[in-house]
Amino acid sequence: MSVGFVMLCHEALDRAGQVAAHWAAAGCPVVIHVDRRVPEADFRALVEQVSHLETVDFCTRHACDWGTWTLVAAAQSGAEALLARHPGLGHVCLVSGSCLPLRPVAELIDYLAARPETDFIESVTTRDVPWIKGGLDTERFTLRFPFSWRQRRRLFDAYVRLQRSLGYRRKIPQDIVPHMGSQWWCLTRRTLEAILNSPRRDIHDRYFSKVWIPDESYFQSMARLHSRRIESRSLTLSKFDHQGKPHVFYDDHLQLLRRSDCFLARKIWPRADQLYAAFLREAAPRRERAEPNPGKIDRVFARAVERRVRGRPGLLSAARFPDPGRDTVRSCAPYWVLEGYGDLFEGFTRWLHKATGAQVHGHLFSPARVEFAHRQPVFAGALSDSAALRDYNPESFLANLVWNTRGERQCFLHGPRDAQQIEGFLAADANARVSVISGAWAVPLFRSKRNFTALRRKAAELQKIESAHLARLRAGQMRASLRVWSMADFVEAPAEPLQALVEEIGARGGRRVRELPQMVDLTGFGQFLQSLKNEGMLPHLMGDFPAGEARPAAPAPRRAYVAR
């Protein structure tokens, strides 16, 4: 009989009874502390469950509050009862009712027997503790905390502010250097008796009774006074998230827990039937004496914390939206925004789909409706072509479209006639590939037969919109990939930029594009621009188009080819 257990319980008492019976069957004594707030009927049911076990006892009950002295008092009561009733113990482990042994008890007994004078307790100074949450590090030892943070939050905060404003500081007993660590420890009988029987215990208890979260500092500090040898680590696997809340282990964590080689784990979901069945089935000790190594699974928890804090790129939910100051990727995959192409080329979306195999949409942000590929009224993920639904949250609409089609390449047309609410999203998204033929929006105006005065007003409006749009995309914080050609430069030699676009999106088979899309007839376009100038409007985004009959449309069969 070299190790005993003090178990602190407040819920799922039937599971606690199972674990206590498991330890008792291996010859280890157990003292159970049950929170005084637990209903009497539940307490009596636990007593009845373990009544046949001679080495399972109960100690004086305390009403326990998180972060208060009552948890230390409960551990003291359990330890005193255990040491008094079992004089042959070598070590005492403090565990919770939600702890579960991960290795055969015989292995733990042998492990501790080989280290008879070693105390296993995480114990580090406050300046070395990386897990403190809430801003109270050294202050938890220099201020008074008579109120429960969970039960009386406003009073707790007000009393802290009052002490800070008055400059109040408690005097730390001169023989104590505050240390912190996990509240689940395994101490030698010698060290534990020295703590409980210390002539200065009243002074120490009185001081720590007003420390915040003393169950993480009382035994951790006292062990430094009395221990001969401390291994500053816990034999219990206990993981916490970025908010300081414990991770809960479920049935699908079975293999993960086995890889840890730890002797115990906390916190186990009460209905994790597979975990309790697997680990409470006593097995023969392994030949290799593996050291507890929670570092083996730290990478998994680091990824979980990263995903919880940062989320997955492009996956939005009501619980987590991107942080504009931190997220550089707003979507889950690259996508292409093509501005001016649909105005300059006939059937451009069909041509690009044929050349690349990508999903090529029309104007997704058209004021009238969402122009999904093939004019679908509902697209992947039940996205509607309703402009009203899209405009309720256009950024989420675009992010969801890319997320719902991940694995495919998405392209869509855009221009100054479209809703512009997404330009901030595009500029900040490193996955956005924006290609602009500036000034191409004038081609539909040129080809229309509207009143010239109305055309002039519309041209001025669209140019103003595109100028602001390009300025936003070129801003210093822009993370999107941006390529801009003036319309004059693009029309002069369209083959090279079109080939580069196809290669970037990914041509089928990696072949060079041989057939280009049909460019609209631009005969007279230069004169149209000159007419706008004559009316006082300066169309500067198109580049230098001569006023004569330059750049006519290609002759029949109205196709352009790229040489091999």
Protein backbone atom coordinates (compact mmCIF):
# COMPACT_ATOMS: atom_id res chain seq x y z
CA MET A 1 0.00 0.00 0.00
CA SER A 2 2.17 2.88 -1.25
CA VAL A 3 -0.33 5.37 -2.69
CA GLY A 4 -3.73 6.68 -1.61
CA PHE A 5 -6.19 9.08 -3.22
CA VAL A 6 -8.11 12.11 -1.99
CA MET A 7 -11.02 12.66 -4.36
CA LEU A 8 -12.92 15.98 -4.55
CA CYS A 9 -16.41 15.48 -5.99
CA HIS A 10 -19.41 17.67 -6.72
CA GLU A 11 -21.18 16.06 -9.69
CA ALA A 12 -21.45 12.77 -11.60
CA LEU A 13 -21.04 10.92 -8.30
CA ASP A 14 -21.78 7.55 -9.88
CA ARG A 15 -18.66 7.89 -12.03
CA ALA A 16 -16.62 8.92 -9.01
CA GLY A 17 -17.83 5.78 -7.25
CA GLN A 18 -16.70 3.65 -10.20
CA VAL A 19 -13.21 5.11 -10.15
CA ALA A 20 -12.95 4.81 -6.35
CA ALA A 21 -13.91 1.14 -6.61
CA HIS A 22 -11.25 0.65 -9.30
CA TRP A 23 -8.54 2.03 -7.02
CA ALA A 24 -9.80 0.13 -3.99
CA ALA A 25 -9.72 -3.11 -5.98
CA ALA A 26 -6.03 -2.48 -6.61
CA GLY A 27 -5.39 -2.08 -2.87
CA CYS A 28 -5.26 1.74 -2.78
CA PRO A 29 -7.22 3.56 -0.05
CA VAL A 30 -9.52 6.43 -1.08
CA VAL A 31 -11.05 9.28 0.90
CA ILE A 32 -13.87 11.08 -0.88
CA HIS A 33 -14.87 14.66 -0.23
CA VAL A 34 -18.35 15.52 -1.50
CA ASP A 35 -19.36 19.16 -1.82
CA ARG A 36 -21.81 20.04 0.93
CA ARG A 37 -24.13 21.60 -1.66
CA VAL A 38 -24.70 18.21 -3.32
CA PRO A 39 -28.26 17.00 -2.60
CA GLU A 40 -28.43 14.58 0.31
CA ALA A 41 -30.08 11.90 -1.82
CA ASP A 42 -27.19 11.94 -4.31
CA PHE A 43 -24.66 11.80 -1.48
CA ARG A 44 -26.43 8.83 0.11
CA ALA A 45 -26.49 7.04 -3.25
CA LEU A 46 -22.71 7.36 -3.50
CA VAL A 47 -22.23 6.14 0.08
CA GLU A 48 -24.39 3.11 -0.73
CA GLN A 49 -22.46 2.48 -3.99
CA VAL A 50 -19.09 2.14 -2.19
CA SER A 51 -20.31 0.84 1.18
CA HIS A 52 -18.89 -2.63 0.52
CA LEU A 53 -15.37 -1.26 0.00
CA GLU A 54 -13.41 -1.23 3.25
CA THR A 55 -10.69 1.12 2.01
CA VAL A 56 -13.06 3.86 0.75
CA ASP A 57 -14.00 6.50 3.32
CA PHE A 58 -15.55 9.97 3.46
CA CYS A 59 -14.30 13.12 5.17
CA THR A 60 -15.80 16.32 6.56
CA ARG A 61 -17.77 18.11 3.85
CA HIS A 62 -17.26 21.75 2.84
CA ALA A 63 -19.39 23.97 0.60
CA CYS A 64 -16.88 24.66 -2.17
CA ASP A 65 -16.70 27.71 -4.44
CA TRP A 66 -14.31 28.00 -7.37
CA GLY A 67 -11.33 30.23 -6.65
CA THR A 68 -11.83 30.25 -2.87
CA TRP A 69 -10.17 28.73 0.20
CA THR A 70 -12.91 26.10 0.56
CA LEU A 71 -11.23 23.91 -2.06
CA VAL A 72 -7.99 23.89 -0.07
CA ALA A 73 -9.93 23.14 3.13
CA ALA A 74 -11.58 20.17 1.39
CA ALA A 75 -8.19 18.84 0.27
CA GLN A 76 -6.79 19.28 3.80
CA SER A 77 -9.72 17.40 5.34
CA GLY A 78 -9.35 14.53 2.90
CA ALA A 79 -5.57 14.33 3.34
CA GLU A 80 -5.81 14.38 7.16
CA ALA A 81 -8.38 11.57 7.12
CA LEU A 82 -6.35 9.48 4.69
CA LEU A 83 -3.06 9.83 6.58
CA ALA A 84 -4.71 9.08 9.94
CA ARG A 85 -6.43 5.92 8.75
CA HIS A 86 -3.59 4.50 6.61
CA PRO A 87 -0.17 4.92 8.26
CA GLY A 88 1.60 2.84 5.63
CA LEU A 89 1.07 5.24 2.73
CA GLY A 90 4.08 6.50 0.83
CA HIS A 91 2.32 9.01 -1.49
CA VAL A 92 -1.04 10.79 -1.61
CA CYS A 93 -2.65 11.90 -4.88
CA LEU A 94 -5.22 14.68 -5.01
CA VAL A 95 -7.75 14.02 -7.80
CA SER A 96 -11.20 15.16 -8.81
CA GLY A 97 -14.37 13.19 -9.31
CA SER A 98 -13.97 13.64 -13.07
CA CYS A 99 -10.46 12.14 -13.16
CA LEU A 100 -9.84 8.80 -14.81
CA PRO A 101 -6.81 6.48 -14.50
CA LEU A 102 -5.18 5.93 -17.88
CA ARG A 103 -2.68 3.24 -16.89
CA PRO A 104 -2.89 0.20 -14.62
CA VAL A 105 -2.70 1.13 -10.94
CA ALA A 106 0.22 -1.28 -10.52
CA GLU A 107 2.30 0.90 -12.84
CA LEU A 108 1.62 3.98 -10.73
CA ILE A 109 2.51 2.08 -7.55
CA ASP A 110 5.80 0.87 -9.05
CA TYR A 111 6.57 4.32 -10.43
CA LEU A 112 6.14 6.01 -7.04
CA ALA A 113 7.92 3.22 -5.16
CA ALA A 114 10.98 3.87 -7.30
CA ARG A 115 10.83 7.55 -6.28
CA PRO A 116 10.00 7.40 -2.55
CA GLU A 117 11.14 10.94 -1.71
CA THR A 118 9.88 12.76 -4.81
CA ASP A 119 6.90 15.12 -4.74
CA PHE A 120 5.09 15.51 -8.05
CA ILE A 121 3.56 18.97 -7.96
CA GLU A 122 3.66 21.74 -10.53
CA SER A 123 5.25 24.63 -8.67
CA VAL A 124 6.61 27.72 -10.43
CA THR A 125 6.89 31.40 -9.52
CA THR A 126 4.29 33.82 -10.86
CA ARG A 127 6.67 35.45 -13.33
CA ASP A 128 7.20 32.06 -14.99
CA VAL A 129 3.51 31.11 -15.28
CA PRO A 130 2.20 31.56 -18.85
CA TRP A 131 -1.37 30.42 -18.23
CA ILE A 132 -2.63 33.20 -15.92
CA LYS A 133 -5.86 34.69 -17.31
CA GLY A 134 -7.66 37.85 -16.23
CA GLY A 135 -4.76 40.14 -15.33
CA LEU A 136 -4.22 39.01 -11.72
CA ASP A 137 -0.75 37.54 -11.34
CA THR A 138 1.25 38.92 -8.39
CA GLU A 139 -1.84 40.82 -7.22
CA ARG A 140 -3.55 37.59 -6.27
CA PHE A 141 -0.99 37.41 -3.44
CA THR A 142 -0.92 41.09 -2.45
CA LEU A 143 -4.64 41.94 -2.43
CA ARG A 144 -7.47 40.45 -0.39
CA PHE A 145 -10.18 38.33 -2.03
CA PRO A 146 -12.91 37.59 0.49
CA PHE A 147 -15.65 37.36 -2.17
CA SER A 148 -16.36 34.62 -4.69
CA TRP A 149 -15.61 35.72 -8.25
CA ARG A 150 -18.32 33.48 -9.67
CA GLN A 151 -21.02 34.07 -7.08
CA ARG A 152 -20.47 37.79 -6.36
CA ARG A 153 -18.72 39.13 -9.45
CA ARG A 154 -19.59 42.82 -9.03
CA LEU A 155 -18.54 42.88 -5.39
CA PHE A 156 -15.33 41.05 -6.26
CA ASP A 157 -14.41 43.58 -8.98
CA ALA A 158 -15.41 46.59 -6.89
CA TYR A 159 -13.28 45.43 -3.95
CA VAL A 160 -10.26 44.91 -6.24
CA ARG A 161 -10.66 48.43 -7.66
CA LEU A 162 -10.96 49.88 -4.17
CA GLN A 163 -7.73 48.22 -3.00
CA ARG A 164 -5.89 49.39 -6.10
CA SER A 165 -7.10 52.98 -5.65
CA LEU A 166 -5.99 52.99 -2.00
CA GLY A 167 -2.63 51.42 -2.81
CA TYR A 168 -3.32 48.55 -0.40
CA ARG A 169 -0.84 45.66 -0.35
CA ARG A 170 -0.93 42.59 1.88
CA LYS A 171 2.19 41.48 3.65
CA ILE A 172 3.29 38.04 2.47
CA PRO A 173 4.60 35.82 5.33
CA GLN A 174 8.37 36.06 5.28
CA ASP A 175 8.96 32.33 4.96
CA ILE A 176 6.74 32.04 1.85
CA VAL A 177 7.73 32.54 -1.78
CA PRO A 178 4.45 32.32 -3.73
CA HIS A 179 4.39 29.56 -6.33
CA MET A 180 1.63 28.39 -8.62
CA GLY A 181 0.71 25.27 -10.54
CA SER A 182 -1.91 22.64 -11.23
CA GLN A 183 -4.13 21.85 -8.25
CA TRP A 184 -3.77 18.09 -8.90
CA TRP A 185 -0.66 16.82 -7.17
CA CYS A 186 0.97 13.70 -5.72
CA LEU A 187 2.93 14.39 -2.51
CA THR A 188 4.97 12.13 -0.27
CA ARG A 189 3.61 11.36 3.15
CA ARG A 190 6.53 13.19 4.74
CA THR A 191 5.89 16.43 2.82
CA LEU A 192 2.13 16.34 3.30
CA GLU A 193 2.43 15.73 7.06
CA ALA A 194 4.96 18.57 7.32
CA ILE A 195 2.46 20.93 5.64
CA LEU A 196 -0.50 19.81 7.75
CA ASN A 197 1.41 19.72 11.06
CA SER A 198 3.49 22.86 10.58
CA PRO A 199 3.62 25.09 13.70
CA ARG A 200 2.99 28.05 11.37
CA ARG A 201 0.00 26.46 9.68
CA ASP A 202 -2.45 28.94 11.21
CA ILE A 203 -0.45 31.84 9.79
CA HIS A 204 -0.16 30.21 6.39
CA ASP A 205 -3.83 29.22 6.25
CA ARG A 206 -4.97 32.66 7.33
CA TYR A 207 -2.87 34.29 4.62
CA PHE A 208 -3.91 31.93 1.81
CA SER A 209 -7.57 32.03 2.81
CA LYS A 210 -7.76 35.50 1.22
CA VAL A 211 -5.59 34.70 -1.83
CA TRP A 212 -7.38 34.36 -5.16
CA ILE A 213 -7.56 30.73 -6.41
CA PRO A 214 -5.51 29.35 -3.48
CA ASP A 215 -5.91 25.74 -4.63
CA GLU A 216 -3.37 26.62 -7.35
CA SER A 217 -0.90 28.18 -4.92
CA TYR A 218 -1.25 26.84 -1.33
CA PHE A 219 0.23 23.36 -1.65
CA GLN A 220 2.49 24.59 -4.47
CA SER A 221 4.06 27.17 -2.13
CA MET A 222 4.06 24.98 0.99
CA ALA A 223 5.81 22.14 -0.83
CA ARG A 224 8.73 24.48 -1.50
CA LEU A 225 9.17 24.85 2.27
CA HIS A 226 9.08 21.18 3.21
CA SER A 227 9.92 18.99 0.21
CA ARG A 228 13.25 17.25 -0.20
CA ARG A 229 12.83 16.81 -3.94
CA ILE A 230 10.19 18.33 -6.22
CA GLU A 231 9.39 17.21 -9.75
CA SER A 232 7.57 20.31 -10.97
CA ARG A 233 4.95 18.48 -12.99
CA SER A 234 1.66 16.77 -12.45
CA LEU A 235 0.99 13.10 -13.04
CA THR A 236 -2.53 14.12 -14.14
CA LEU A 237 -3.15 15.20 -17.72
CA SER A 238 -5.11 18.43 -17.57
CA LYS A 239 -5.42 20.73 -20.60
CA PHE A 240 -6.90 24.21 -20.78
CA ASP A 241 -8.14 26.41 -23.60
CA HIS A 242 -7.19 30.03 -24.33
CA GLN A 243 -9.72 31.26 -21.74
CA GLY A 244 -8.34 29.08 -18.97
CA LYS A 245 -11.24 26.61 -19.09
CA PRO A 246 -10.43 22.88 -18.94
CA HIS A 247 -10.73 20.77 -22.04
CA VAL A 248 -13.29 17.99 -21.68
CA PHE A 249 -12.35 14.54 -22.97
CA TYR A 250 -14.94 12.48 -24.85
CA ASP A 251 -15.06 8.96 -26.27
CA ASP A 252 -13.35 10.00 -29.50
CA HIS A 253 -10.28 11.03 -27.47
CA LEU A 254 -9.50 7.42 -26.53
CA GLN A 255 -6.37 7.00 -28.67
CA LEU A 256 -5.20 10.51 -27.84
CA LEU A 257 -5.30 9.75 -24.11
CA ARG A 258 -3.46 6.49 -24.58
CA ARG A 259 -0.62 8.27 -26.38
CA SER A 260 -0.05 10.64 -23.47
CA ASP A 261 1.34 7.91 -21.15
CA CYS A 262 -0.01 9.92 -18.20
CA PHE A 263 -1.30 8.08 -15.18
CA LEU A 264 -4.53 10.10 -14.88
CA ALA A 265 -6.56 12.51 -16.98
CA ARG A 266 -8.99 15.27 -16.19
CA LYS A 267 -11.67 16.29 -17.19
CA ILE A 268 -13.68 13.29 -18.46
CA TRP A 269 -17.24 13.70 -19.74
CA PRO A 270 -19.52 11.71 -17.42
CA ARG A 271 -21.21 9.96 -20.33
CA ALA A 272 -17.99 8.92 -22.06
CA ASP A 273 -18.88 5.23 -21.66
CA GLN A 274 -16.11 3.99 -23.95
CA LEU A 275 -13.41 5.82 -21.98
CA TYR A 276 -14.59 4.49 -18.63
CA ALA A 277 -14.98 0.97 -20.01
CA ALA A 278 -11.52 1.00 -21.64
CA PHE A 279 -9.47 2.49 -18.79
CA LEU A 280 -11.22 0.90 -15.82
CA ARG A 281 -10.58 -2.54 -17.27
CA GLU A 282 -7.39 -3.38 -15.37
CA ALA A 283 -4.63 -4.60 -17.66
CA ALA A 284 -1.24 -6.08 -16.98
CA PRO A 285 1.54 -3.52 -16.52
CA ARG A 286 3.55 -2.80 -19.64
CA ARG A 287 7.13 -3.97 -19.82
CA GLU A 288 8.44 -0.57 -20.82
CA ARG A 289 8.14 1.99 -18.03
CA ALA A 290 7.06 4.97 -20.09
CA GLU A 291 7.40 8.38 -18.49
CA PRO A 292 4.21 10.48 -18.43
CA ASN A 293 4.56 12.68 -21.47
CA PRO A 294 1.63 15.01 -22.19
CA GLY A 295 3.88 16.78 -24.70
CA LYS A 296 3.04 14.00 -27.15
CA ILE A 297 -0.44 15.44 -27.58
CA ASP A 298 0.35 19.12 -27.02
CA ARG A 299 0.42 19.67 -30.78
CA VAL A 300 -3.20 18.55 -31.03
CA PHE A 301 -4.27 20.96 -28.30
CA ALA A 302 -2.25 23.78 -29.85
CA ARG A 303 -4.11 23.26 -33.11
CA ALA A 304 -7.42 23.20 -31.24
CA VAL A 305 -6.62 26.50 -29.52
CA GLU A 306 -5.48 28.03 -32.82
CA ARG A 307 -8.69 26.95 -34.52
CA ARG A 308 -10.81 28.24 -31.65
CA VAL A 309 -9.07 31.61 -31.57
CA ARG A 310 -8.52 32.19 -35.29
CA GLY A 311 -11.11 29.87 -36.80
CA ARG A 312 -10.71 28.36 -40.24
CA PRO A 313 -10.09 30.76 -43.12
CA GLY A 314 -13.30 31.43 -44.97
CA LEU A 315 -15.61 29.66 -42.53
CA LEU A 316 -17.93 32.16 -40.90
CA SER A 317 -20.46 31.56 -38.16
CA ALA A 318 -22.43 33.57 -35.68
CA ALA A 319 -19.85 32.60 -33.06
CA ARG A 320 -16.78 33.82 -34.91
CA PHE A 321 -16.28 36.51 -37.55
CA PRO A 322 -12.88 37.62 -38.84
CA ASP A 323 -10.89 40.13 -36.87
CA PRO A 324 -10.07 42.96 -39.31
CA GLY A 325 -6.87 43.79 -37.46
CA ARG A 326 -5.51 40.25 -37.48
CA ASP A 327 -6.93 38.08 -40.25
CA THR A 328 -5.11 38.30 -43.58
CA VAL A 329 -7.18 35.55 -45.18
CA ARG A 330 -10.93 36.08 -45.28
CA SER A 331 -11.78 33.13 -47.53
CA CYS A 332 -10.75 29.50 -47.64
CA ALA A 333 -9.25 29.36 -51.16
CA PRO A 334 -8.09 31.59 -54.00
CA TYR A 335 -10.75 33.11 -56.26
CA TRP A 336 -10.60 35.48 -59.23
CA VAL A 337 -12.40 38.81 -59.65
CA LEU A 338 -12.42 39.92 -63.30
CA GLU A 339 -13.30 43.54 -63.94
CA GLY A 340 -13.95 44.79 -67.46
CA TYR A 341 -13.59 41.45 -69.22
CA GLY A 342 -17.30 40.92 -69.65
CA ASP A 343 -17.65 44.40 -71.17
CA LEU A 344 -14.81 43.95 -73.65
CA PHE A 345 -15.39 40.35 -74.80
CA GLU A 346 -18.50 38.59 -76.00
CA GLY A 347 -19.22 35.26 -74.29
CA PHE A 348 -16.23 35.69 -72.01
CA THR A 349 -17.55 33.48 -69.17
CA ARG A 350 -18.14 30.56 -71.54
CA TRP A 351 -14.68 30.96 -73.06
CA LEU A 352 -12.91 31.10 -69.67
CA HIS A 353 -14.80 28.06 -68.39
CA LYS A 354 -13.80 26.13 -71.51
CA ALA A 355 -10.17 27.23 -71.24
CA THR A 356 -9.68 26.54 -67.51
CA GLY A 357 -12.48 24.30 -66.28
CA ALA A 358 -13.12 26.81 -63.50
CA GLN A 359 -16.58 27.82 -62.33
CA VAL A 360 -17.09 31.20 -64.01
CA HIS A 361 -19.99 33.33 -62.79
CA GLY A 362 -21.42 36.48 -64.24
CA HIS A 363 -21.84 39.59 -62.10
CA LEU A 364 -22.40 38.13 -58.63
CA PHE A 365 -23.03 41.60 -57.23
CA SER A 366 -25.31 42.90 -59.94
CA PRO A 367 -28.04 45.16 -58.46
CA ALA A 368 -30.82 43.11 -60.11
CA ARG A 369 -29.84 39.54 -59.21
CA VAL A 370 -26.91 37.25 -58.47
CA GLU A 371 -25.66 35.92 -61.80
CA PHE A 372 -24.51 32.44 -60.85
CA ALA A 373 -22.84 30.28 -63.50
CA HIS A 374 -25.34 28.78 -65.95
CA ARG A 375 -27.97 31.15 -64.52
CA GLN A 376 -28.70 28.86 -61.57
CA PRO A 377 -31.30 30.31 -59.17
CA VAL A 378 -29.74 28.46 -56.19
CA PHE A 379 -26.06 27.69 -55.89
CA ALA A 380 -23.87 25.54 -53.62
CA GLY A 381 -24.83 25.73 -49.96
CA ALA A 382 -28.35 26.93 -50.81
CA LEU A 383 -27.10 30.40 -51.79
CA SER A 384 -29.97 32.25 -53.42
CA ASP A 385 -29.75 34.51 -56.46
CA SER A 386 -31.76 37.11 -54.54
CA ALA A 387 -29.94 40.44 -54.49
CA ALA A 388 -31.71 41.41 -51.25
CA LEU A 389 -30.46 38.30 -49.42
CA ARG A 390 -26.95 38.79 -50.80
CA ASP A 391 -26.82 42.45 -49.78
CA TYR A 392 -27.85 41.64 -46.19
CA ASN A 393 -24.24 40.55 -45.67
CA PRO A 394 -22.30 40.60 -48.96
CA GLU A 395 -18.96 39.69 -47.37
CA SER A 396 -20.39 36.54 -45.81
CA PHE A 397 -22.10 35.75 -49.12
CA LEU A 398 -18.77 35.75 -50.95
CA ALA A 399 -16.90 33.88 -48.20
CA ASN A 400 -19.64 31.23 -48.05
CA LEU A 401 -19.66 30.81 -51.83
CA VAL A 402 -15.91 30.08 -51.81
CA TRP A 403 -16.23 27.82 -48.75
CA ASN A 404 -19.16 25.83 -50.18
CA THR A 405 -17.23 25.15 -53.39
CA ARG A 406 -13.78 24.53 -51.88
CA GLY A 407 -11.79 22.31 -54.19
CA GLU A 408 -13.14 24.18 -57.23
CA ARG A 409 -11.84 27.42 -58.75
CA GLN A 410 -14.30 30.30 -58.59
CA CYS A 411 -14.25 33.33 -60.88
CA PHE A 412 -16.78 36.13 -61.27
CA LEU A 413 -17.22 39.38 -63.16
CA HIS A 414 -17.32 42.69 -61.39
CA GLY A 415 -17.46 46.35 -62.27
CA PRO A 416 -18.57 49.84 -61.20
CA ARG A 417 -22.22 49.03 -62.03
CA ASP A 418 -22.21 46.36 -59.32
CA ALA A 419 -22.70 46.76 -55.58
CA GLN A 420 -19.37 47.91 -54.11
CA GLN A 421 -19.73 46.77 -50.49
CA ILE A 422 -17.19 43.96 -50.92
CA GLU A 423 -14.24 46.10 -51.98
CA GLY A 424 -12.93 46.26 -48.40
CA PHE A 425 -13.23 42.49 -48.15
CA LEU A 426 -11.36 42.04 -51.45
CA ALA A 427 -8.58 44.43 -50.48
CA ALA A 428 -7.99 42.66 -47.16
CA ASP A 429 -8.22 39.09 -48.47
CA ALA A 430 -4.94 37.48 -49.48
CA ASN A 431 -6.91 34.89 -51.48
CA ALA A 432 -8.44 37.50 -53.81
CA ARG A 433 -6.94 37.65 -57.32
CA VAL A 434 -8.24 40.85 -58.89
CA SER A 435 -7.67 41.59 -62.58
CA VAL A 436 -8.92 44.94 -63.87
CA ILE A 437 -9.25 46.38 -67.38
CA SER A 438 -9.79 49.94 -66.30
CA GLY A 439 -12.29 51.97 -68.28
CA ALA A 440 -13.88 48.97 -70.00
CA TRP A 441 -17.19 49.91 -68.38
CA ALA A 442 -17.44 52.63 -71.12
CA VAL A 443 -17.88 50.01 -73.87
CA PRO A 444 -21.56 49.23 -73.04
CA LEU A 445 -22.23 52.98 -72.93
CA PHE A 446 -20.57 53.39 -76.32
CA ARG A 447 -22.65 50.56 -77.81
CA SER A 448 -25.94 51.83 -76.40
CA LYS A 449 -28.05 54.29 -78.33
CA ARG A 450 -29.05 56.43 -75.37
CA ASN A 451 -29.15 60.19 -75.22
CA PHE A 452 -25.58 61.50 -75.16
CA THR A 453 -26.23 63.85 -72.24
CA ALA A 454 -27.42 60.89 -70.17
CA LEU A 455 -24.41 58.86 -71.33
CA ARG A 456 -22.05 61.61 -70.21
CA ARG A 457 -23.58 61.71 -66.71
CA LYS A 458 -23.44 57.94 -66.43
CA ALA A 459 -19.83 57.83 -67.66
CA ALA A 460 -18.78 60.40 -65.05
CA GLU A 461 -20.55 58.41 -62.33
CA LEU A 462 -18.99 55.08 -63.31
CA GLN A 463 -15.52 56.58 -63.63
CA LYS A 464 -15.79 58.07 -60.16
CA ILE A 465 -16.82 54.70 -58.74
CA GLU A 466 -13.99 52.82 -60.46
CA SER A 467 -11.39 55.42 -59.46
CA ALA A 468 -12.38 55.07 -55.79
CA HIS A 469 -12.46 51.28 -56.14
CA LEU A 470 -8.91 51.15 -57.56
CA ALA A 471 -7.65 53.54 -54.90
CA ARG A 472 -9.03 51.23 -52.22
CA LEU A 473 -7.43 48.17 -53.81
CA ARG A 474 -4.08 49.97 -54.08
CA ALA A 475 -4.11 51.19 -50.46
CA GLY A 476 -1.19 50.40 -48.18
CA GLN A 477 -3.06 47.67 -46.27
CA MET A 478 -4.11 45.87 -49.44
CA ARG A 479 -3.36 42.14 -49.32
CA ALA A 480 -5.14 41.00 -52.48
CA SER A 481 -3.22 40.24 -55.66
CA LEU A 482 -3.99 43.08 -58.09
CA ARG A 483 -3.30 43.49 -61.81
CA VAL A 484 -4.52 46.57 -63.66
CA TRP A 485 -4.36 47.29 -67.38
CA SER A 486 -5.74 50.39 -69.02
CA MET A 487 -8.19 49.46 -71.73
CA ALA A 488 -5.97 50.98 -74.41
CA ASP A 489 -2.96 48.86 -73.36
CA PHE A 490 -5.06 45.71 -73.07
CA VAL A 491 -6.68 46.08 -76.49
CA GLU A 492 -3.28 46.69 -78.08
CA ALA A 493 -2.10 43.16 -77.14
CA PRO A 494 -4.80 41.06 -75.41
CA ALA A 495 -3.17 37.67 -75.96
CA GLU A 496 -0.46 37.94 -73.30
CA PRO A 497 -2.65 39.03 -70.32
CA LEU A 498 -5.33 36.50 -71.27
CA GLN A 499 -2.74 33.73 -71.42
CA ALA A 500 -1.36 34.80 -68.03
CA LEU A 501 -4.89 34.77 -66.57
CA VAL A 502 -5.60 31.29 -67.90
CA GLU A 503 -2.29 29.97 -66.57
CA GLU A 504 -2.91 31.50 -63.14
CA ILE A 505 -6.38 29.98 -62.85
CA GLY A 506 -5.10 26.69 -64.26
CA ALA A 507 -5.58 25.65 -67.86
CA ARG A 508 -6.81 22.14 -68.55
CA GLY A 509 -3.85 19.96 -69.39
CA GLY A 510 -1.47 22.91 -68.94
CA ARG A 511 -1.64 23.72 -72.67
CA ARG A 512 -1.18 27.14 -74.14
CA VAL A 513 -4.44 28.84 -75.11
CA ARG A 514 -4.88 28.87 -78.88
CA GLU A 515 -8.24 30.58 -79.27
CA LEU A 516 -9.07 33.92 -77.64
CA PRO A 517 -12.55 35.24 -76.88
CA GLN A 518 -14.23 37.51 -79.42
CA MET A 519 -13.64 41.20 -78.70
CA VAL A 520 -16.56 43.54 -79.28
CA ASP A 521 -16.51 45.94 -82.24
CA LEU A 522 -14.70 49.09 -81.08
CA THR A 523 -15.00 51.00 -84.32
CA GLY A 524 -15.69 54.59 -83.32
CA PHE A 525 -14.86 54.12 -79.66
CA GLY A 526 -12.04 56.67 -79.80
CA GLN A 527 -14.39 59.26 -81.23
CA PHE A 528 -16.90 58.45 -78.47
CA LEU A 529 -14.27 59.21 -75.84
CA GLN A 530 -13.37 62.44 -77.62
CA SER A 531 -17.03 63.44 -77.58
CA LEU A 532 -17.08 62.94 -73.83
CA LYS A 533 -14.05 65.20 -73.55
CA ASN A 534 -15.73 67.78 -75.73
CA GLU A 535 -18.66 67.80 -73.32
CA GLY A 536 -16.34 68.50 -70.37
CA MET A 537 -15.89 64.96 -69.04
CA LEU A 538 -12.31 63.56 -68.99
CA PRO A 539 -12.34 59.74 -69.45
CA HIS A 540 -8.82 59.08 -68.12
CA LEU A 541 -9.09 55.43 -67.02
CA MET A 542 -9.20 54.03 -70.58
CA GLY A 543 -5.72 55.13 -71.55
CA ASP A 544 -4.80 56.82 -74.80
CA PHE A 545 -7.35 55.96 -77.51
CA PRO A 546 -6.93 57.94 -80.74
CA ALA A 547 -9.99 59.83 -81.91
CA GLY A 548 -9.87 58.29 -85.39
CA GLU A 549 -11.13 54.90 -86.52
CA ALA A 550 -8.38 52.97 -84.77
CA ARG A 551 -8.53 49.48 -83.30
CA PRO A 552 -11.38 48.11 -85.41
CA ALA A 553 -12.99 44.80 -84.59
CA ALA A 554 -11.34 41.68 -85.90
CA PRO A 555 -12.59 40.57 -89.34
CA ALA A 556 -14.72 37.48 -89.92
CA PRO A 557 -14.76 34.81 -88.55
CA ARG A 558 -14.31 37.26 -85.65
CA ARG A 559 -11.80 35.12 -83.82
CA ALA A 560 -8.28 35.86 -82.68
CA TYR A 561 -5.59 33.22 -82.30
CA VAL A 562 -2.38 32.91 -80.32
CA ALA A 563 0.53 31.40 -82.15
CA ARG A 564 2.20 28.36 -80.70
